[in-house]
Amino acid sequence: MLHTNLGMRSVGTVRANRTGGATLMSDKEMVKQGSGVVDFRSSEGVIAVKWFDNKCVTLLSNACGVELLSSVKRFTKEAQQKVNVQCPSIVLAYNQAMGGTISQICLCTSTKRQ
């Protein structure tokens, strides 16, 4: 609705119970399968994605999806080295946008208000 009516795109994290009824894989199932597991549901232009890296992360977006999987390096305690883990494009988009948001918050708090 935001994208079609107002032209706004969004990507953000949500709590697991706030996905609007999208039933995603449980945390226990994802932990059993290991790092890089992705589960998603899509409806009416909004996609709900759950990705397991070190912990499960749930994201909603109307801007991008999971179709472009890239590889990111993560350190594993078991192997004591960095390994490649599959990462959906929605996570990369979220991480890029968060950098700008955090910078903006820092700038706003560091400037003096009059």
PDB file of N, CA and C in Angstrom:
ATOM      1  N   MET A   1       0.817  -1.186   0.000  1.00  0.00           N
ATOM      2  CA  MET A   1       0.000   0.000   0.000  1.00  0.00           C
ATOM      3  C   MET A   1       0.869   1.262   0.000  1.00  0.00           C
ATOM      4  N   LEU A   2       1.915   1.278   0.823  1.00  0.00           N
ATOM      5  CA  LEU A   2       2.795   2.449   0.844  1.00  0.00           C
ATOM      6  C   LEU A   2       3.461   2.664  -0.503  1.00  0.00           C
ATOM      7  N   HIS A   3       3.905   1.579  -1.110  1.00  0.00           N
ATOM      8  CA  HIS A   3       4.625   1.701  -2.376  1.00  0.00           C
ATOM      9  C   HIS A   3       3.694   2.097  -3.517  1.00  0.00           C
ATOM     10  N   THR A   4       2.532   1.478  -3.594  1.00  0.00           N
ATOM     11  CA  THR A   4       1.632   1.758  -4.711  1.00  0.00           C
ATOM     12  C   THR A   4       0.939   3.109  -4.574  1.00  0.00           C
ATOM     13  N   ASN A   5       0.487   3.466  -3.388  1.00  0.00           N
ATOM     14  CA  ASN A   5      -0.244   4.721  -3.203  1.00  0.00           C
ATOM     15  C   ASN A   5       0.669   5.939  -3.063  1.00  0.00           C
ATOM     16  N   LEU A   6       1.725   5.814  -2.281  1.00  0.00           N
ATOM     17  CA  LEU A   6       2.572   6.964  -1.976  1.00  0.00           C
ATOM     18  C   LEU A   6       3.953   6.907  -2.620  1.00  0.00           C
ATOM     19  N   GLY A   7       4.295   5.790  -3.231  1.00  0.00           N
ATOM     20  CA  GLY A   7       5.619   5.650  -3.830  1.00  0.00           C
ATOM     21  C   GLY A   7       6.727   5.462  -2.815  1.00  0.00           C
ATOM     22  N   MET A   8       6.390   5.058  -1.603  1.00  0.00           N
ATOM     23  CA  MET A   8       7.385   4.861  -0.551  1.00  0.00           C
ATOM     24  C   MET A   8       7.802   3.400  -0.494  1.00  0.00           C
ATOM     25  N   ARG A   9       9.100   3.186  -0.356  1.00  0.00           N
ATOM     26  CA  ARG A   9       9.628   1.842  -0.189  1.00  0.00           C
ATOM     27  C   ARG A   9      10.173   1.725   1.222  1.00  0.00           C
ATOM     28  N   SER A  10      10.053   0.533   1.794  1.00  0.00           N
ATOM     29  CA  SER A  10      10.530   0.364   3.161  1.00  0.00           C
ATOM     30  C   SER A  10      11.103  -1.028   3.366  1.00  0.00           C
ATOM     31  N   VAL A  11      12.073  -1.084   4.269  1.00  0.00           N
ATOM     32  CA  VAL A  11      12.685  -2.330   4.716  1.00  0.00           C
ATOM     33  C   VAL A  11      12.915  -2.160   6.201  1.00  0.00           C
ATOM     34  N   GLY A  12      12.528  -3.152   7.004  1.00  0.00           N
ATOM     35  CA  GLY A  12      12.743  -3.033   8.434  1.00  0.00           C
ATOM     36  C   GLY A  12      12.609  -4.347   9.158  1.00  0.00           C
ATOM     37  N   THR A  13      13.187  -4.391  10.344  1.00  0.00           N
ATOM     38  CA  THR A  13      13.065  -5.576  11.183  1.00  0.00           C
ATOM     39  C   THR A  13      11.763  -5.495  11.966  1.00  0.00           C
ATOM     40  N   VAL A  14      11.217  -6.649  12.272  1.00  0.00           N
ATOM     41  CA  VAL A  14      10.002  -6.736  13.077  1.00  0.00           C
ATOM     42  C   VAL A  14      10.156  -7.882  14.061  1.00  0.00           C
ATOM     43  N   ARG A  15       9.348  -7.846  15.095  1.00  0.00           N
ATOM     44  CA  ARG A  15       9.309  -8.979  16.016  1.00  0.00           C
ATOM     45  C   ARG A  15       8.631 -10.141  15.311  1.00  0.00           C
ATOM     46  N   ALA A  16       8.983 -11.343  15.690  1.00  0.00           N
ATOM     47  CA  ALA A  16       8.495 -12.550  15.009  1.00  0.00           C
ATOM     48  C   ALA A  16       6.975 -12.660  15.036  1.00  0.00           C
ATOM     49  N   ASN A  17       6.329 -12.115  16.054  1.00  0.00           N
ATOM     50  CA  ASN A  17       4.868 -12.216  16.146  1.00  0.00           C
ATOM     51  C   ASN A  17       4.149 -11.035  15.492  1.00  0.00           C
ATOM     52  N   ARG A  18       4.861 -10.194  14.755  1.00  0.00           N
ATOM     53  CA  ARG A  18       4.273  -9.021  14.104  1.00  0.00           C
ATOM     54  C   ARG A  18       4.367  -9.097  12.581  1.00  0.00           C
ATOM     55  N   THR A  19       4.289 -10.288  12.029  1.00  0.00           N
ATOM     56  CA  THR A  19       4.450 -10.460  10.586  1.00  0.00           C
ATOM     57  C   THR A  19       3.138 -10.410   9.833  1.00  0.00           C
ATOM     58  N   GLY A  20       2.062 -10.090  10.474  1.00  0.00           N
ATOM     59  CA  GLY A  20       0.778  -9.990   9.792  1.00  0.00           C
ATOM     60  C   GLY A  20       0.192 -11.329   9.407  1.00  0.00           C
ATOM     61  N   GLY A  21       0.494 -12.350  10.170  1.00  0.00           N
ATOM     62  CA  GLY A  21      -0.071 -13.673   9.908  1.00  0.00           C
ATOM     63  C   GLY A  21       0.776 -14.564   9.025  1.00  0.00           C
ATOM     64  N   ALA A  22       1.919 -14.091   8.564  1.00  0.00           N
ATOM     65  CA  ALA A  22       2.804 -14.931   7.750  1.00  0.00           C
ATOM     66  C   ALA A  22       3.463 -15.969   8.650  1.00  0.00           C
ATOM     67  N   THR A  23       3.214 -17.237   8.369  1.00  0.00           N
ATOM     68  CA  THR A  23       3.788 -18.301   9.194  1.00  0.00           C
ATOM     69  C   THR A  23       5.166 -18.671   8.649  1.00  0.00           C
ATOM     70  N   LEU A  24       6.178 -18.302   9.389  1.00  0.00           N
ATOM     71  CA  LEU A  24       7.556 -18.578   9.006  1.00  0.00           C
ATOM     72  C   LEU A  24       8.110 -19.713   9.860  1.00  0.00           C
ATOM     73  N   MET A  25       9.204 -20.287   9.426  1.00  0.00           N
ATOM     74  CA  MET A  25       9.840 -21.399  10.120  1.00  0.00           C
ATOM     75  C   MET A  25      10.201 -20.995  11.554  1.00  0.00           C
ATOM     76  N   SER A  26      10.111 -21.942  12.484  1.00  0.00           N
ATOM     77  CA  SER A  26      10.428 -21.637  13.881  1.00  0.00           C
ATOM     78  C   SER A  26      11.939 -21.477  14.062  1.00  0.00           C
ATOM     79  N   ASP A  27      12.313 -20.798  15.146  1.00  0.00           N
ATOM     80  CA  ASP A  27      13.728 -20.587  15.439  1.00  0.00           C
ATOM     81  C   ASP A  27      14.461 -21.915  15.615  1.00  0.00           C
ATOM     82  N   LYS A  28      13.826 -22.874  16.282  1.00  0.00           N
ATOM     83  CA  LYS A  28      14.461 -24.176  16.523  1.00  0.00           C
ATOM     84  C   LYS A  28      14.777 -24.896  15.219  1.00  0.00           C
ATOM     85  N   GLU A  29      13.842 -24.848  14.272  1.00  0.00           N
ATOM     86  CA  GLU A  29      14.072 -25.496  12.977  1.00  0.00           C
ATOM     87  C   GLU A  29      15.231 -24.842  12.237  1.00  0.00           C
ATOM     88  N   MET A  30      15.307 -23.522  12.309  1.00  0.00           N
ATOM     89  CA  MET A  30      16.371 -22.807  11.607  1.00  0.00           C
ATOM     90  C   MET A  30      17.735 -23.090  12.228  1.00  0.00           C
ATOM     91  N   VAL A  31      17.786 -23.165  13.554  1.00  0.00           N
ATOM     92  CA  VAL A  31      19.050 -23.458  14.234  1.00  0.00           C
ATOM     93  C   VAL A  31      19.544 -24.845  13.836  1.00  0.00           C
ATOM     94  N   LYS A  32      18.631 -25.820  13.733  1.00  0.00           N
ATOM     95  CA  LYS A  32      19.010 -27.178  13.332  1.00  0.00           C
ATOM     96  C   LYS A  32      19.645 -27.199  11.948  1.00  0.00           C
ATOM     97  N   GLN A  33      19.134 -26.366  11.031  1.00  0.00           N
ATOM     98  CA  GLN A  33      19.639 -26.361   9.658  1.00  0.00           C
ATOM     99  C   GLN A  33      20.940 -25.584   9.501  1.00  0.00           C
ATOM    100  N   GLY A  34      21.254 -24.703  10.433  1.00  0.00           N
ATOM    101  CA  GLY A  34      22.529 -23.986  10.403  1.00  0.00           C
ATOM    102  C   GLY A  34      22.440 -22.599   9.792  1.00  0.00           C
ATOM    103  N   SER A  35      23.564 -21.903   9.811  1.00  0.00           N
ATOM    104  CA  SER A  35      23.629 -20.522   9.321  1.00  0.00           C
ATOM    105  C   SER A  35      23.291 -20.425   7.842  1.00  0.00           C
ATOM    106  N   GLY A  36      22.647 -19.322   7.483  1.00  0.00           N
ATOM    107  CA  GLY A  36      22.311 -19.061   6.087  1.00  0.00           C
ATOM    108  C   GLY A  36      20.942 -19.534   5.664  1.00  0.00           C
ATOM    109  N   VAL A  37      20.151 -20.092   6.582  1.00  0.00           N
ATOM    110  CA  VAL A  37      18.816 -20.586   6.246  1.00  0.00           C
ATOM    111  C   VAL A  37      17.880 -19.398   6.060  1.00  0.00           C
ATOM    112  N   VAL A  38      17.069 -19.442   5.000  1.00  0.00           N
ATOM    113  CA  VAL A  38      16.125 -18.367   4.691  1.00  0.00           C
ATOM    114  C   VAL A  38      14.739 -18.957   4.517  1.00  0.00           C
ATOM    115  N   ASP A  39      13.734 -18.315   5.116  1.00  0.00           N
ATOM    116  CA  ASP A  39      12.336 -18.672   4.902  1.00  0.00           C
ATOM    117  C   ASP A  39      11.589 -17.380   4.606  1.00  0.00           C
ATOM    118  N   PHE A  40      10.638 -17.431   3.677  1.00  0.00           N
ATOM    119  CA  PHE A  40       9.920 -16.200   3.337  1.00  0.00           C
ATOM    120  C   PHE A  40       8.501 -16.504   2.887  1.00  0.00           C
ATOM    121  N   ARG A  41       7.645 -15.502   3.027  1.00  0.00           N
ATOM    122  CA  ARG A  41       6.269 -15.521   2.531  1.00  0.00           C
ATOM    123  C   ARG A  41       6.009 -14.156   1.918  1.00  0.00           C
ATOM    124  N   SER A  42       5.214 -14.137   0.852  1.00  0.00           N
ATOM    125  CA  SER A  42       4.915 -12.885   0.174  1.00  0.00           C
ATOM    126  C   SER A  42       3.419 -12.778  -0.067  1.00  0.00           C
ATOM    127  N   SER A  43       2.878 -11.581   0.137  1.00  0.00           N
ATOM    128  CA  SER A  43       1.460 -11.344  -0.085  1.00  0.00           C
ATOM    129  C   SER A  43       1.223  -9.857  -0.312  1.00  0.00           C
ATOM    130  N   GLU A  44       0.467  -9.533  -1.335  1.00  0.00           N
ATOM    131  CA  GLU A  44       0.052  -8.164  -1.627  1.00  0.00           C
ATOM    132  C   GLU A  44       1.218  -7.181  -1.688  1.00  0.00           C
ATOM    133  N   GLY A  45       2.320  -7.592  -2.291  1.00  0.00           N
ATOM    134  CA  GLY A  45       3.454  -6.697  -2.472  1.00  0.00           C
ATOM    135  C   GLY A  45       4.363  -6.541  -1.274  1.00  0.00           C
ATOM    136  N   VAL A  46       4.093  -7.265  -0.192  1.00  0.00           N
ATOM    137  CA  VAL A  46       4.934  -7.206   1.001  1.00  0.00           C
ATOM    138  C   VAL A  46       5.538  -8.586   1.223  1.00  0.00           C
ATOM    139  N   ILE A  47       6.829  -8.622   1.524  1.00  0.00           N
ATOM    140  CA  ILE A  47       7.497  -9.898   1.763  1.00  0.00           C
ATOM    141  C   ILE A  47       7.974  -9.953   3.207  1.00  0.00           C
ATOM    142  N   ALA A  48       7.748 -11.091   3.844  1.00  0.00           N
ATOM    143  CA  ALA A  48       8.245 -11.357   5.193  1.00  0.00           C
ATOM    144  C   ALA A  48       9.364 -12.378   5.057  1.00  0.00           C
ATOM    145  N   VAL A  49      10.528 -12.054   5.593  1.00  0.00           N
ATOM    146  CA  VAL A  49      11.705 -12.913   5.470  1.00  0.00           C
ATOM    147  C   VAL A  49      12.267 -13.191   6.852  1.00  0.00           C
ATOM    148  N   LYS A  50      12.636 -14.447   7.086  1.00  0.00           N
ATOM    149  CA  LYS A  50      13.321 -14.824   8.315  1.00  0.00           C
ATOM    150  C   LYS A  50      14.641 -15.455   7.906  1.00  0.00           C
ATOM    151  N   TRP A  51      15.736 -14.930   8.456  1.00  0.00           N
ATOM    152  CA  TRP A  51      17.075 -15.396   8.101  1.00  0.00           C
ATOM    153  C   TRP A  51      17.819 -15.740   9.368  1.00  0.00           C
ATOM    154  N   PHE A  52      18.560 -16.855   9.347  1.00  0.00           N
ATOM    155  CA  PHE A  52      19.350 -17.267  10.500  1.00  0.00           C
ATOM    156  C   PHE A  52      20.825 -17.094  10.202  1.00  0.00           C
ATOM    157  N   ASP A  53      21.478 -16.265  11.017  1.00  0.00           N
ATOM    158  CA  ASP A  53      22.929 -16.101  10.948  1.00  0.00           C
ATOM    159  C   ASP A  53      23.485 -16.616  12.267  1.00  0.00           C
ATOM    160  N   ASN A  54      23.660 -15.767  13.250  1.00  0.00           N
ATOM    161  CA  ASN A  54      23.966 -16.200  14.611  1.00  0.00           C
ATOM    162  C   ASN A  54      22.681 -16.307  15.418  1.00  0.00           C
ATOM    163  N   LYS A  55      21.722 -15.472  15.063  1.00  0.00           N
ATOM    164  CA  LYS A  55      20.378 -15.489  15.637  1.00  0.00           C
ATOM    165  C   LYS A  55      19.397 -15.288  14.498  1.00  0.00           C
ATOM    166  N   CYS A  56      18.132 -15.556  14.762  1.00  0.00           N
ATOM    167  CA  CYS A  56      17.108 -15.364  13.739  1.00  0.00           C
ATOM    168  C   CYS A  56      16.741 -13.887  13.642  1.00  0.00           C
ATOM    169  N   VAL A  57      16.580 -13.415  12.418  1.00  0.00           N
ATOM    170  CA  VAL A  57      16.188 -12.034  12.148  1.00  0.00           C
ATOM    171  C   VAL A  57      14.970 -12.075  11.240  1.00  0.00           C
ATOM    172  N   THR A  58      13.919 -11.319  11.597  1.00  0.00           N
ATOM    173  CA  THR A  58      12.711 -11.251  10.781  1.00  0.00           C
ATOM    174  C   THR A  58      12.598  -9.847  10.204  1.00  0.00           C
ATOM    175  N   LEU A  59      12.391  -9.772   8.883  1.00  0.00           N
ATOM    176  CA  LEU A  59      12.304  -8.486   8.195  1.00  0.00           C
ATOM    177  C   LEU A  59      11.064  -8.446   7.326  1.00  0.00           C
ATOM    178  N   LEU A  60      10.516  -7.242   7.140  1.00  0.00           N
ATOM    179  CA  LEU A  60       9.415  -6.995   6.208  1.00  0.00           C
ATOM    180  C   LEU A  60       9.870  -5.951   5.201  1.00  0.00           C
ATOM    181  N   SER A  61       9.401  -6.085   3.960  1.00  0.00           N
ATOM    182  CA  SER A  61       9.781  -5.114   2.941  1.00  0.00           C
ATOM    183  C   SER A  61       8.761  -5.068   1.819  1.00  0.00           C
ATOM    184  N   ASN A  62       8.619  -3.887   1.229  1.00  0.00           N
ATOM    185  CA  ASN A  62       7.867  -3.761  -0.015  1.00  0.00           C
ATOM    186  C   ASN A  62       8.806  -3.290  -1.123  1.00  0.00           C
ATOM    187  N   ALA A  63      10.109  -3.235  -0.824  1.00  0.00           N
ATOM    188  CA  ALA A  63      11.088  -2.712  -1.770  1.00  0.00           C
ATOM    189  C   ALA A  63      11.925  -3.793  -2.437  1.00  0.00           C
ATOM    190  N   CYS A  64      12.261  -4.842  -1.721  1.00  0.00           N
ATOM    191  CA  CYS A  64      13.133  -5.876  -2.291  1.00  0.00           C
ATOM    192  C   CYS A  64      12.745  -7.230  -1.730  1.00  0.00           C
ATOM    193  N   GLY A  65      13.403  -8.252  -2.209  1.00  0.00           N
ATOM    194  CA  GLY A  65      13.049  -9.603  -1.799  1.00  0.00           C
ATOM    195  C   GLY A  65      14.258 -10.435  -1.454  1.00  0.00           C
ATOM    196  N   VAL A  66      14.125 -11.743  -1.627  1.00  0.00           N
ATOM    197  CA  VAL A  66      15.196 -12.667  -1.284  1.00  0.00           C
ATOM    198  C   VAL A  66      15.851 -13.270  -2.513  1.00  0.00           C
ATOM    199  N   GLU A  67      15.372 -12.904  -3.703  1.00  0.00           N
ATOM    200  CA  GLU A  67      15.810 -13.597  -4.910  1.00  0.00           C
ATOM    201  C   GLU A  67      17.311 -13.506  -5.164  1.00  0.00           C
ATOM    202  N   LEU A  68      17.956 -12.431  -4.773  1.00  0.00           N
ATOM    203  CA  LEU A  68      19.392 -12.301  -4.980  1.00  0.00           C
ATOM    204  C   LEU A  68      20.131 -12.694  -3.707  1.00  0.00           C
ATOM    205  N   LEU A  69      20.580 -13.929  -3.662  1.00  0.00           N
ATOM    206  CA  LEU A  69      21.353 -14.377  -2.509  1.00  0.00           C
ATOM    207  C   LEU A  69      22.817 -14.058  -2.756  1.00  0.00           C
ATOM    208  N   SER A  70      23.437 -13.431  -1.789  1.00  0.00           N
ATOM    209  CA  SER A  70      24.863 -13.167  -1.890  1.00  0.00           C
ATOM    210  C   SER A  70      25.562 -13.917  -0.766  1.00  0.00           C
ATOM    211  N   SER A  71      26.847 -13.889  -0.791  1.00  0.00           N
ATOM    212  CA  SER A  71      27.622 -14.614   0.197  1.00  0.00           C
ATOM    213  C   SER A  71      28.323 -13.615   1.109  1.00  0.00           C
ATOM    214  N   VAL A  72      28.200 -13.820   2.422  1.00  0.00           N
ATOM    215  CA  VAL A  72      28.883 -12.973   3.396  1.00  0.00           C
ATOM    216  C   VAL A  72      29.773 -13.857   4.257  1.00  0.00           C
ATOM    217  N   LYS A  73      30.846 -13.299   4.766  1.00  0.00           N
ATOM    218  CA  LYS A  73      31.771 -14.071   5.599  1.00  0.00           C
ATOM    219  C   LYS A  73      31.386 -13.919   7.064  1.00  0.00           C
ATOM    220  N   ARG A  74      31.323 -15.044   7.756  1.00  0.00           N
ATOM    221  CA  ARG A  74      31.012 -15.071   9.178  1.00  0.00           C
ATOM    222  C   ARG A  74      32.009 -15.973   9.899  1.00  0.00           C
ATOM    223  N   PHE A  75      32.373 -15.614  11.124  1.00  0.00           N
ATOM    224  CA  PHE A  75      33.293 -16.409  11.928  1.00  0.00           C
ATOM    225  C   PHE A  75      32.507 -17.477  12.669  1.00  0.00           C
ATOM    226  N   THR A  76      32.967 -18.715  12.605  1.00  0.00           N
ATOM    227  CA  THR A  76      32.312 -19.799  13.343  1.00  0.00           C
ATOM    228  C   THR A  76      33.213 -20.256  14.481  1.00  0.00           C
ATOM    229  N   LYS A  77      32.613 -20.503  15.618  1.00  0.00           N
ATOM    230  CA  LYS A  77      33.366 -20.978  16.777  1.00  0.00           C
ATOM    231  C   LYS A  77      33.850 -22.406  16.565  1.00  0.00           C
ATOM    232  N   GLU A  78      33.015 -23.226  15.913  1.00  0.00           N
ATOM    233  CA  GLU A  78      33.365 -24.631  15.716  1.00  0.00           C
ATOM    234  C   GLU A  78      34.614 -24.779  14.855  1.00  0.00           C
ATOM    235  N   ALA A  79      34.643 -24.094  13.721  1.00  0.00           N
ATOM    236  CA  ALA A  79      35.764 -24.219  12.788  1.00  0.00           C
ATOM    237  C   ALA A  79      36.900 -23.245  13.118  1.00  0.00           C
ATOM    238  N   GLN A  80      36.648 -22.266  13.972  1.00  0.00           N
ATOM    239  CA  GLN A  80      37.623 -21.235  14.329  1.00  0.00           C
ATOM    240  C   GLN A  80      38.164 -20.507  13.095  1.00  0.00           C
ATOM    241  N   GLN A  81      37.273 -20.271  12.133  1.00  0.00           N
ATOM    242  CA  GLN A  81      37.651 -19.543  10.930  1.00  0.00           C
ATOM    243  C   GLN A  81      36.420 -18.917  10.302  1.00  0.00           C
ATOM    244  N   LYS A  82      36.645 -18.081   9.297  1.00  0.00           N
ATOM    245  CA  LYS A  82      35.529 -17.450   8.596  1.00  0.00           C
ATOM    246  C   LYS A  82      35.022 -18.382   7.507  1.00  0.00           C
ATOM    247  N   VAL A  83      33.695 -18.454   7.397  1.00  0.00           N
ATOM    248  CA  VAL A  83      33.063 -19.267   6.362  1.00  0.00           C
ATOM    249  C   VAL A  83      32.071 -18.396   5.604  1.00  0.00           C
ATOM    250  N   ASN A  84      31.737 -18.799   4.387  1.00  0.00           N
ATOM    251  CA  ASN A  84      30.751 -18.082   3.585  1.00  0.00           C
ATOM    252  C   ASN A  84      29.352 -18.540   3.955  1.00  0.00           C
ATOM    253  N   VAL A  85      28.451 -17.573   4.162  1.00  0.00           N
ATOM    254  CA  VAL A  85      27.062 -17.844   4.519  1.00  0.00           C
ATOM    255  C   VAL A  85      26.167 -17.132   3.507  1.00  0.00           C
ATOM    256  N   GLN A  86      25.103 -17.798   3.052  1.00  0.00           N
ATOM    257  CA  GLN A  86      24.154 -17.190   2.123  1.00  0.00           C
ATOM    258  C   GLN A  86      23.367 -16.092   2.837  1.00  0.00           C
ATOM    259  N   CYS A  87      23.199 -14.962   2.166  1.00  0.00           N
ATOM    260  CA  CYS A  87      22.501 -13.815   2.742  1.00  0.00           C
ATOM    261  C   CYS A  87      21.536 -13.247   1.703  1.00  0.00           C
ATOM    262  N   PRO A  88      20.240 -13.096   2.035  1.00  0.00           N
ATOM    263  CA  PRO A  88      19.283 -12.546   1.069  1.00  0.00           C
ATOM    264  C   PRO A  88      19.484 -11.044   0.861  1.00  0.00           C
ATOM    265  N   SER A  89      19.034 -10.557  -0.287  1.00  0.00           N
ATOM    266  CA  SER A  89      19.232  -9.147  -0.640  1.00  0.00           C
ATOM    267  C   SER A  89      18.524  -8.200   0.322  1.00  0.00           C
ATOM    268  N   ILE A  90      17.432  -8.631   0.939  1.00  0.00           N
ATOM    269  CA  ILE A  90      16.703  -7.770   1.871  1.00  0.00           C
ATOM    270  C   ILE A  90      17.570  -7.428   3.087  1.00  0.00           C
ATOM    271  N   VAL A  91      18.407  -8.356   3.539  1.00  0.00           N
ATOM    272  CA  VAL A  91      19.281  -8.105   4.689  1.00  0.00           C
ATOM    273  C   VAL A  91      20.354  -7.090   4.312  1.00  0.00           C
ATOM    274  N   LEU A  92      20.919  -7.225   3.133  1.00  0.00           N
ATOM    275  CA  LEU A  92      21.927  -6.268   2.679  1.00  0.00           C
ATOM    276  C   LEU A  92      21.330  -4.872   2.528  1.00  0.00           C
ATOM    277  N   ALA A  93      20.115  -4.789   1.986  1.00  0.00           N
ATOM    278  CA  ALA A  93      19.438  -3.492   1.835  1.00  0.00           C
ATOM    279  C   ALA A  93      19.168  -2.867   3.199  1.00  0.00           C
ATOM    280  N   TYR A  94      18.750  -3.670   4.163  1.00  0.00           N
ATOM    281  CA  TYR A  94      18.490  -3.174   5.514  1.00  0.00           C
ATOM    282  C   TYR A  94      19.778  -2.645   6.145  1.00  0.00           C
ATOM    283  N   ASN A  95      20.868  -3.399   6.017  1.00  0.00           N
ATOM    284  CA  ASN A  95      22.142  -2.977   6.608  1.00  0.00           C
ATOM    285  C   ASN A  95      22.651  -1.679   5.988  1.00  0.00           C
ATOM    286  N   GLN A  96      22.490  -1.512   4.680  1.00  0.00           N
ATOM    287  CA  GLN A  96      22.921  -0.278   4.025  1.00  0.00           C
ATOM    288  C   GLN A  96      22.092   0.913   4.498  1.00  0.00           C
ATOM    289  N   ALA A  97      20.790   0.727   4.632  1.00  0.00           N
ATOM    290  CA  ALA A  97      19.909   1.815   5.065  1.00  0.00           C
ATOM    291  C   ALA A  97      20.136   2.164   6.531  1.00  0.00           C
ATOM    292  N   MET A  98      20.423   1.176   7.368  1.00  0.00           N
ATOM    293  CA  MET A  98      20.635   1.437   8.791  1.00  0.00           C
ATOM    294  C   MET A  98      21.865   2.299   9.017  1.00  0.00           C
ATOM    295  N   GLY A  99      22.881   2.149   8.209  1.00  0.00           N
ATOM    296  CA  GLY A  99      24.069   2.984   8.352  1.00  0.00           C
ATOM    297  C   GLY A  99      23.729   4.455   8.208  1.00  0.00           C
ATOM    298  N   GLY A 100      22.874   4.791   7.256  1.00  0.00           N
ATOM    299  CA  GLY A 100      22.454   6.175   7.061  1.00  0.00           C
ATOM    300  C   GLY A 100      21.591   6.674   8.199  1.00  0.00           C
ATOM    301  N   THR A 101      20.724   5.817   8.708  1.00  0.00           N
ATOM    302  CA  THR A 101      19.849   6.198   9.814  1.00  0.00           C
ATOM    303  C   THR A 101      20.654   6.482  11.069  1.00  0.00           C
ATOM    304  N   ILE A 102      21.605   5.621  11.371  1.00  0.00           N
ATOM    305  CA  ILE A 102      22.425   5.811  12.569  1.00  0.00           C
ATOM    306  C   ILE A 102      23.259   7.079  12.436  1.00  0.00           C
ATOM    307  N   SER A 103      23.805   7.335  11.249  1.00  0.00           N
ATOM    308  CA  SER A 103      24.582   8.557  11.030  1.00  0.00           C
ATOM    309  C   SER A 103      23.713   9.789  11.231  1.00  0.00           C
ATOM    310  N   GLN A 104      22.483   9.735  10.746  1.00  0.00           N
ATOM    311  CA  GLN A 104      21.572  10.861  10.880  1.00  0.00           C
ATOM    312  C   GLN A 104      21.229  11.100  12.349  1.00  0.00           C
ATOM    313  N   ILE A 105      20.996  10.039  13.104  1.00  0.00           N
ATOM    314  CA  ILE A 105      20.691  10.176  14.532  1.00  0.00           C
ATOM    315  C   ILE A 105      21.880  10.791  15.257  1.00  0.00           C
ATOM    316  N   CYS A 106      23.089  10.326  14.945  1.00  0.00           N
ATOM    317  CA  CYS A 106      24.287  10.878  15.583  1.00  0.00           C
ATOM    318  C   CYS A 106      24.446  12.359  15.267  1.00  0.00           C
ATOM    319  N   LEU A 107      24.200  12.746  14.025  1.00  0.00           N
ATOM    320  CA  LEU A 107      24.307  14.155  13.652  1.00  0.00           C
ATOM    321  C   LEU A 107      23.278  15.003  14.386  1.00  0.00           C
ATOM    322  N   CYS A 108      22.064  14.483  14.505  1.00  0.00           N
ATOM    323  CA  CYS A 108      21.002  15.248  15.175  1.00  0.00           C
ATOM    324  C   CYS A 108      21.293  15.424  16.652  1.00  0.00           C
ATOM    325  N   THR A 109      21.852  14.404  17.293  1.00  0.00           N
ATOM    326  CA  THR A 109      22.116  14.505  18.727  1.00  0.00           C
ATOM    327  C   THR A 109      23.382  15.294  19.024  1.00  0.00           C
ATOM    328  N   SER A 110      24.316  15.349  18.060  1.00  0.00           N
ATOM    329  CA  SER A 110      25.563  16.068  18.318  1.00  0.00           C
ATOM    330  C   SER A 110      25.452  17.568  18.050  1.00  0.00           C
ATOM    331  N   THR A 111      24.460  17.979  17.270  1.00  0.00           N
ATOM    332  CA  THR A 111      24.309  19.407  16.999  1.00  0.00           C
ATOM    333  C   THR A 111      23.555  20.075  18.139  1.00  0.00           C
ATOM    334  N   LYS A 112      23.864  21.323  18.349  1.00  0.00           N
ATOM    335  CA  LYS A 112      23.258  22.059  19.450  1.00  0.00           C
ATOM    336  C   LYS A 112      21.908  22.614  19.012  1.00  0.00           C
ATOM    337  N   ARG A 113      20.895  22.414  19.813  1.00  0.00           N
ATOM    338  CA  ARG A 113      19.562  22.948  19.502  1.00  0.00           C
ATOM    339  C   ARG A 113      19.410  24.329  20.116  1.00  0.00           C
ATOM    340  N   GLN A 114      18.756  25.192  19.372  1.00  0.00           N
ATOM    341  CA  GLN A 114      18.555  26.546  19.892  1.00  0.00           C
ATOM    342  C   GLN A 114      17.100  26.845  20.069  1.00  0.00           C
TER     343      GLN A 114
END
